[in-house]
Every structure is written in C-alpha cells, then in structure tokens.
Amino acid sequence: MTARTLATLCVVGLVLLAGCGGLSGDAAETPVSNETDGQNATPTGTPTESAGSVEEFAYPAGANADGFGNVSDLADAHGEALRGQDVESRYQRISWEQDASGNQSSLRSVFTADIRSDFESERLLLTTNGSYVGQDRVQTVSLTTSLATANETYTRSVDRTGNATYSVDTPSSDFAARHASISTTGIRPILEGANWNATEVTQRNGTKLVRYEPTGLTTDDQATNENAANLTGQVLVDEDGVVHGAELGFVVAGNVSQPSQVVRYDYDLNASSDVTVEDPDWLDEARSGGA
C-alpha cells in the first residue's frame, strides 16, 4: 500500500465519522508481530462445534453459500444488528518484505483503524493510523483521532512532520446511525479483496456462524491472482449479518528490483455492553480551537 493510499484511507474515515461512518488506530510505531504470515497464518477465534450444514444456514442479506454477492447489503445488516450494542473493533492491514528463504525480513506498511463506541452514553472514539517504512524507519503518514458525541465531533490530526491540528464539527446524522455505520469499518476491504466459499457452520457462545474461506483474490494495490500465492483466511458471519471476524493473507511475488511481500488483513469485533469512552487528553485544546 502506498503512502498516498494510506493518507486517503484516513481522510475517508473522517468524512464518514462526520456523517454516518468511520475508522480508527494507534501510535505511529505500532509493534508488529512476525509470528504469522500469508503462508502459515492461523485464523484466530475459529469455532469448533458443528452446528449444521452450509446448505441449511439462514444466510443474511448480501451473503450465500457461494460468497458475498452484495457486500453493501451485508455491511448494512452488520451495522443494523449492532445498533444498541457497545462496540470495540480493530481493522489492520500490514505488509512485510519476504527474503529468498520465505522469512519475513522487514516491515513495509501498516494501517490500523480502532473503534470504541459506548452506545448508551453516545460516545465513540475513533483513531486511524497509517504508516510506511521509508528512510530505514517507520514514518507516519497520518494519525487522526476523533471523539464523536451526540451533538459534536472533535478531531485531532497529526501529519508526518508531527504538527497537530484540531476541528469541531456538527454531525449530519444522529448517533445511532453513525454508530451503526462506523461499526462496519474494516469489513469491506477483506470481503471485497477475495472470492469466498462457505465451508462449514459452527457455533460460538451460543451463536450459529457460517465460516467462509477464500478461493482467489479479486483486486489489490499490489496483487492479482496471477502473482499472489499462499492464500489464507476466513470470515465468520452469523444469521443476523454480524461479521464476527475476518482475515485474509497472501504473498505477492517479487522480481529483480522488488522483493516478495507478505500482506495481511485482519478485522476483529467485540460487541459487548461494557465499553467505556474517556475524554482524550487533547479535548480541551480542540474545544479552544487548538490555541
């Protein structure tokens, strides 16, 4: 993913937050684990208890046994099903270089989107962080944090030079609509990045889930089916349309001037009733216009 693409994703997150959607993330030098890659990634949180067949599963709008015919419909169902629930989620895209032996050698880029939403208190904290490796160090392209309340959205944006700017906006939709839409952040890139097939129906904590596995890539910044290999991943969806988790990993073959790359997408959701959102330490500065 290029620096320009990372910056664009951060801007999109802010536009959605002001209306009916959003993104989120952490500090520029986010620690990255090298324990998994596109060749041997182990899906996390995979249910193991069988709960029927893929033919009998009650698929939500936008999904069927052959994949996701309409990602927008599924994203809408996901958001609507989470109305009224507190939400905590993270979306992350990471790429590493890979040496001739197949080992990860150095980080290329990181984009994270972290969300914490307290529905009852009508408070949502969103942070997006886009970084890439340049000049032998991790450099932030954009770090943006927003606090959304019932009537206002406060935002702090830090550019690549470390300069911070602040803004206060009046949302164009109510908090429930923004909460529902922002809860879909991170789903689309994974579902649209590959073709998927339902492989089994399982159960986790009393909830029936259908598990999908990727059968091939669609499009990506740097990969197509012709030059990507070692495809791994899974998507877990319940009958209401909630995407409980999604992963996608692959290796992009290199050439004489470009090393191979390992690319990983991950989306994790925690829908509960105990998410709290505290005031960020920069809130007073945002209220005063950054003075």
Protein backbone atom coordinates (compact mmCIF):
# COMPACT_ATOMS: atom_id res chain seq x y z
CA MET A 1 0.00 0.00 0.00
CA THR A 2 1.41 3.38 -0.98
CA ALA A 3 1.74 6.43 1.27
CA ARG A 4 -0.90 8.17 -0.83
CA THR A 5 -3.35 5.30 -0.34
CA LEU A 6 -2.80 5.31 3.43
CA ALA A 7 -3.44 9.04 3.62
CA THR A 8 -6.62 8.69 1.56
CA LEU A 9 -7.98 5.99 3.88
CA CYS A 10 -7.51 8.27 6.89
CA VAL A 11 -9.37 11.12 5.19
CA VAL A 12 -12.24 8.79 4.24
CA GLY A 13 -12.56 7.80 7.91
CA LEU A 14 -13.09 11.41 8.96
CA VAL A 15 -15.70 12.06 6.28
CA LEU A 16 -17.66 9.00 7.37
CA LEU A 17 -17.46 9.97 11.03
CA ALA A 18 -18.93 13.39 10.30
CA GLY A 19 -21.85 11.70 8.54
CA CYS A 20 -22.61 8.02 9.04
CA GLY A 21 -19.36 6.03 9.12
CA GLY A 22 -15.72 5.86 10.22
CA LEU A 23 -12.36 4.31 11.00
CA SER A 24 -9.77 4.12 13.85
CA GLY A 25 -5.96 3.12 15.10
CA ASP A 26 -2.90 3.66 17.43
CA ALA A 27 0.53 5.29 17.52
CA ALA A 28 2.85 5.57 14.56
CA GLU A 29 5.32 2.97 15.74
CA THR A 30 2.76 0.25 16.40
CA PRO A 31 4.52 -3.01 17.39
CA VAL A 32 4.07 -5.68 14.76
CA SER A 33 4.18 -9.41 15.39
CA ASN A 34 6.11 -11.62 12.98
CA GLU A 35 4.51 -14.82 14.22
CA THR A 36 2.13 -15.19 11.27
CA ASP A 37 2.32 -14.51 7.57
CA GLY A 38 0.43 -15.22 4.39
CA GLN A 39 1.90 -18.71 4.17
CA ASN A 40 1.08 -20.11 7.58
CA ALA A 41 -1.43 -17.73 9.17
CA THR A 42 -3.58 -19.41 11.80
CA PRO A 43 -7.13 -18.00 11.99
CA THR A 44 -7.98 -16.71 15.46
CA GLY A 45 -11.21 -17.41 17.31
CA THR A 46 -12.32 -20.17 14.97
CA PRO A 47 -15.35 -22.01 16.42
CA THR A 48 -15.07 -25.78 16.50
CA GLU A 49 -18.56 -27.02 17.39
CA SER A 50 -20.53 -28.15 14.33
CA ALA A 51 -23.98 -26.58 14.06
CA GLY A 52 -25.48 -27.75 10.78
CA SER A 53 -24.68 -27.56 7.09
CA VAL A 54 -23.91 -24.63 4.78
CA GLU A 55 -26.97 -25.52 2.72
CA GLU A 56 -29.31 -25.13 5.72
CA PHE A 57 -27.79 -21.95 7.19
CA ALA A 58 -30.13 -18.91 7.25
CA TYR A 59 -27.91 -16.51 5.32
CA PRO A 60 -28.30 -12.76 5.95
CA ALA A 61 -28.77 -10.20 3.19
CA GLY A 62 -25.76 -9.99 0.86
CA ALA A 63 -24.41 -13.46 1.67
CA ASN A 64 -24.94 -17.01 0.45
CA ALA A 65 -23.05 -20.29 0.28
CA ASP A 66 -21.11 -19.05 -2.77
CA GLY A 67 -19.79 -15.91 -1.10
CA PHE A 68 -20.86 -12.29 -0.76
CA GLY A 69 -22.99 -11.23 -3.70
CA ASN A 70 -23.65 -7.79 -2.23
CA VAL A 71 -21.13 -6.57 0.34
CA SER A 72 -23.09 -3.34 0.86
CA ASP A 73 -26.18 -5.28 1.94
CA LEU A 74 -24.15 -7.39 4.35
CA ALA A 75 -22.39 -4.31 5.77
CA ASP A 76 -25.79 -2.67 6.32
CA ALA A 77 -27.09 -5.79 8.09
CA HIS A 78 -23.94 -5.87 10.25
CA GLY A 79 -24.39 -2.26 11.32
CA GLU A 80 -28.10 -2.56 11.97
CA ALA A 81 -27.63 -5.70 14.06
CA LEU A 82 -25.15 -3.81 16.26
CA ARG A 83 -27.45 -0.86 16.93
CA GLY A 84 -27.88 -0.60 20.67
CA GLN A 85 -24.71 -2.58 21.50
CA ASP A 86 -21.36 -1.24 22.63
CA VAL A 87 -18.69 -2.00 20.04
CA GLU A 88 -14.93 -2.37 20.12
CA SER A 89 -13.17 -3.34 16.89
CA ARG A 90 -9.85 -3.19 15.07
CA TYR A 91 -9.03 -3.36 11.38
CA GLN A 92 -5.40 -3.75 10.34
CA ARG A 93 -3.50 -4.12 7.09
CA ILE A 94 0.21 -4.99 7.29
CA SER A 95 2.78 -5.83 4.67
CA TRP A 96 6.32 -7.19 5.11
CA GLU A 97 9.13 -7.93 2.74
CA GLN A 98 10.00 -11.60 2.37
CA ASP A 99 13.51 -12.92 1.74
CA ALA A 100 14.51 -15.73 -0.62
CA SER A 101 14.06 -18.30 2.17
CA GLY A 102 10.45 -17.29 2.74
CA ASN A 103 11.12 -15.46 6.02
CA GLN A 104 9.70 -12.04 6.81
CA SER A 105 12.58 -9.58 6.70
CA SER A 106 11.28 -6.02 7.19
CA LEU A 107 8.04 -4.11 7.66
CA ARG A 108 6.67 -2.24 4.62
CA SER A 109 3.43 -0.57 5.72
CA VAL A 110 0.81 -0.57 8.47
CA PHE A 111 -2.71 0.81 8.53
CA THR A 112 -4.90 0.43 11.63
CA ALA A 113 -8.43 1.52 12.42
CA ASP A 114 -9.58 1.20 16.04
CA ILE A 115 -13.11 1.88 17.28
CA ARG A 116 -14.59 2.13 20.76
CA SER A 117 -18.28 3.04 20.93
CA ASP A 118 -20.39 3.41 24.09
CA PHE A 119 -23.90 3.36 22.68
CA GLU A 120 -25.83 4.29 25.82
CA SER A 121 -23.58 7.27 26.62
CA GLU A 122 -23.45 8.26 22.93
CA ARG A 123 -19.67 8.50 22.82
CA LEU A 124 -17.43 7.00 20.16
CA LEU A 125 -13.64 7.18 19.88
CA LEU A 126 -12.06 6.55 16.51
CA THR A 127 -8.36 6.59 15.62
CA THR A 128 -6.76 5.95 12.26
CA ASN A 129 -3.04 5.43 11.81
CA GLY A 130 -1.25 5.00 8.50
CA SER A 131 2.48 4.34 8.48
CA TYR A 132 5.04 3.10 5.99
CA VAL A 133 8.73 2.29 6.08
CA GLY A 134 10.97 4.86 4.46
CA GLN A 135 14.50 6.06 5.10
CA ASP A 136 15.04 2.98 7.29
CA ARG A 137 12.34 3.87 9.82
CA VAL A 138 8.58 3.70 10.30
CA GLN A 139 7.07 7.02 9.23
CA THR A 140 3.56 8.19 10.00
CA VAL A 141 1.54 9.31 7.01
CA SER A 142 -1.43 10.35 9.11
CA LEU A 143 -2.57 9.86 12.71
CA THR A 144 -6.11 11.03 13.39
CA THR A 145 -8.26 10.61 16.49
CA SER A 146 -11.89 11.70 16.77
CA LEU A 147 -14.34 11.79 19.66
CA ALA A 148 -17.94 11.64 18.46
CA THR A 149 -20.74 12.63 20.83
CA ALA A 150 -24.48 13.11 20.36
CA ASN A 151 -24.09 16.63 19.01
CA GLU A 152 -20.43 17.23 18.09
CA THR A 153 -17.31 15.56 16.72
CA TYR A 154 -13.87 16.67 17.97
CA THR A 155 -10.86 15.71 15.88
CA ARG A 156 -7.09 15.84 16.28
CA SER A 157 -4.95 15.17 13.20
CA VAL A 158 -1.16 14.80 13.23
CA ASP A 159 0.73 14.99 9.93
CA ARG A 160 4.02 13.32 9.01
CA THR A 161 6.01 16.22 10.48
CA GLY A 162 4.31 15.89 13.87
CA ASN A 163 2.16 19.03 13.58
CA ALA A 164 -1.29 18.71 15.16
CA THR A 165 -4.48 20.43 14.02
CA TYR A 166 -7.93 20.39 15.61
CA SER A 167 -11.51 20.72 14.43
CA VAL A 168 -15.04 20.66 15.81
CA ASP A 169 -17.93 19.59 13.57
CA THR A 170 -21.67 19.15 13.86
CA PRO A 171 -22.68 15.65 12.62
CA SER A 172 -25.23 15.34 9.85
CA SER A 173 -26.90 12.25 11.37
CA ASP A 174 -27.87 11.03 14.83
CA PHE A 175 -25.51 8.99 16.98
CA ALA A 176 -27.33 5.68 16.43
CA ALA A 177 -26.86 5.95 12.66
CA ARG A 178 -23.17 6.86 12.99
CA HIS A 179 -22.61 4.04 15.49
CA ALA A 180 -24.20 1.51 13.11
CA SER A 181 -22.25 2.69 10.07
CA ILE A 182 -18.90 3.07 11.81
CA SER A 183 -19.26 -0.49 13.13
CA THR A 184 -18.74 -1.74 9.57
CA THR A 185 -15.22 -0.29 9.32
CA GLY A 186 -12.70 -2.84 8.06
CA ILE A 187 -15.22 -5.33 6.66
CA ARG A 188 -15.30 -4.23 3.04
CA PRO A 189 -11.55 -4.46 2.19
CA ILE A 190 -11.46 -8.11 3.25
CA LEU A 191 -14.78 -9.26 1.79
CA GLU A 192 -14.14 -7.43 -1.48
CA GLY A 193 -10.48 -8.45 -1.66
CA ALA A 194 -11.18 -12.12 -2.39
CA ASN A 195 -13.75 -14.62 -3.60
CA TRP A 196 -15.21 -16.65 -0.72
CA ASN A 197 -16.95 -20.00 -0.26
CA ALA A 198 -18.93 -21.18 2.78
CA THR A 199 -17.19 -24.28 4.17
CA GLU A 200 -18.90 -25.09 7.49
CA VAL A 201 -21.44 -23.95 10.07
CA THR A 202 -20.22 -23.76 13.64
CA GLN A 203 -21.29 -22.34 16.96
CA ARG A 204 -19.57 -19.99 19.39
CA ASN A 205 -21.04 -18.83 22.71
CA GLY A 206 -24.47 -19.99 21.58
CA THR A 207 -24.34 -18.10 18.26
CA LYS A 208 -24.50 -20.01 14.98
CA LEU A 209 -21.83 -18.88 12.49
CA VAL A 210 -21.03 -19.76 8.90
CA ARG A 211 -17.32 -19.90 8.09
CA TYR A 212 -16.01 -18.79 4.69
CA GLU A 213 -12.62 -19.50 3.16
CA PRO A 214 -11.00 -17.59 0.25
CA THR A 215 -10.82 -19.24 -3.16
CA GLY A 216 -8.94 -16.48 -5.02
CA LEU A 217 -8.06 -12.81 -4.90
CA THR A 218 -10.08 -10.17 -6.71
CA THR A 219 -8.01 -6.97 -6.79
CA ASP A 220 -5.45 -5.33 -4.51
CA ASP A 221 -3.00 -2.44 -4.64
CA GLN A 222 -0.16 -4.81 -5.47
CA ALA A 223 -1.59 -8.24 -6.12
CA THR A 224 -3.75 -10.21 -8.52
CA ASN A 225 -4.38 -13.92 -8.90
CA GLU A 226 -1.51 -14.06 -11.39
CA ASN A 227 1.24 -13.04 -8.97
CA ALA A 228 -0.13 -13.81 -5.49
CA ALA A 229 0.18 -17.17 -3.75
CA ASN A 230 -0.25 -18.86 -0.37
CA LEU A 231 -3.79 -17.56 0.07
CA THR A 232 -5.21 -17.98 3.60
CA GLY A 233 -8.06 -16.50 5.58
CA GLN A 234 -11.57 -16.83 6.93
CA VAL A 235 -14.74 -14.82 7.52
CA LEU A 236 -17.24 -15.64 10.30
CA VAL A 237 -20.83 -14.39 9.85
CA ASP A 238 -23.93 -15.02 11.95
CA GLU A 239 -27.56 -15.22 10.76
CA ASP A 240 -28.20 -11.55 11.60
CA GLY A 241 -25.34 -10.45 9.35
CA VAL A 242 -22.79 -9.61 12.05
CA VAL A 243 -19.24 -10.27 10.85
CA HIS A 244 -17.54 -11.57 13.99
CA GLY A 245 -14.07 -11.72 12.44
CA ALA A 246 -12.32 -11.69 9.10
CA GLU A 247 -8.77 -12.44 7.91
CA LEU A 248 -7.00 -12.52 4.57
CA GLY A 249 -3.34 -13.22 3.85
CA PHE A 250 -1.25 -13.81 0.73
CA VAL A 251 2.25 -13.47 -0.70
CA VAL A 252 2.97 -11.19 -3.64
CA ALA A 253 5.81 -12.50 -5.80
CA GLY A 254 8.75 -10.15 -6.33
CA ASN A 255 11.12 -9.52 -9.20
CA VAL A 256 14.69 -8.32 -9.78
CA SER A 257 14.03 -4.87 -8.30
CA GLN A 258 11.17 -5.65 -5.94
CA PRO A 259 11.27 -8.26 -3.12
CA SER A 260 8.31 -10.52 -2.39
CA GLN A 261 5.76 -9.19 0.08
CA VAL A 262 3.56 -10.80 2.72
CA VAL A 263 0.22 -8.99 3.04
CA ARG A 264 -2.22 -9.47 5.93
CA TYR A 265 -5.70 -8.06 6.54
CA ASP A 266 -7.40 -8.60 9.92
CA TYR A 267 -10.73 -7.49 11.36
CA ASP A 268 -11.72 -8.28 14.95
CA LEU A 269 -15.02 -7.37 16.61
CA ASN A 270 -16.04 -7.30 20.25
CA ALA A 271 -19.71 -6.42 20.72
CA SER A 272 -20.50 -6.12 24.42
CA SER A 273 -22.20 -3.93 27.00
CA ASP A 274 -19.21 -2.61 28.91
CA VAL A 275 -17.20 -0.38 26.52
CA THR A 276 -16.36 2.99 28.05
CA VAL A 277 -15.01 6.01 26.20
CA GLU A 278 -12.96 8.51 28.18
CA ASP A 279 -12.19 12.09 27.15
CA PRO A 280 -8.90 12.24 25.21
CA ASP A 281 -6.24 14.45 26.80
CA TRP A 282 -6.42 16.88 23.86
CA LEU A 283 -10.16 17.58 24.11
CA ASP A 284 -9.85 20.99 25.80
CA GLU A 285 -7.38 22.06 23.14
CA ALA A 286 -9.80 21.02 20.41
CA ARG A 287 -12.65 22.92 22.07
CA SER A 288 -10.50 26.04 22.18
CA GLY A 289 -9.56 25.75 18.54
CA GLY A 290 -6.06 24.44 19.17
CA ALA A 291 -4.96 27.58 20.94
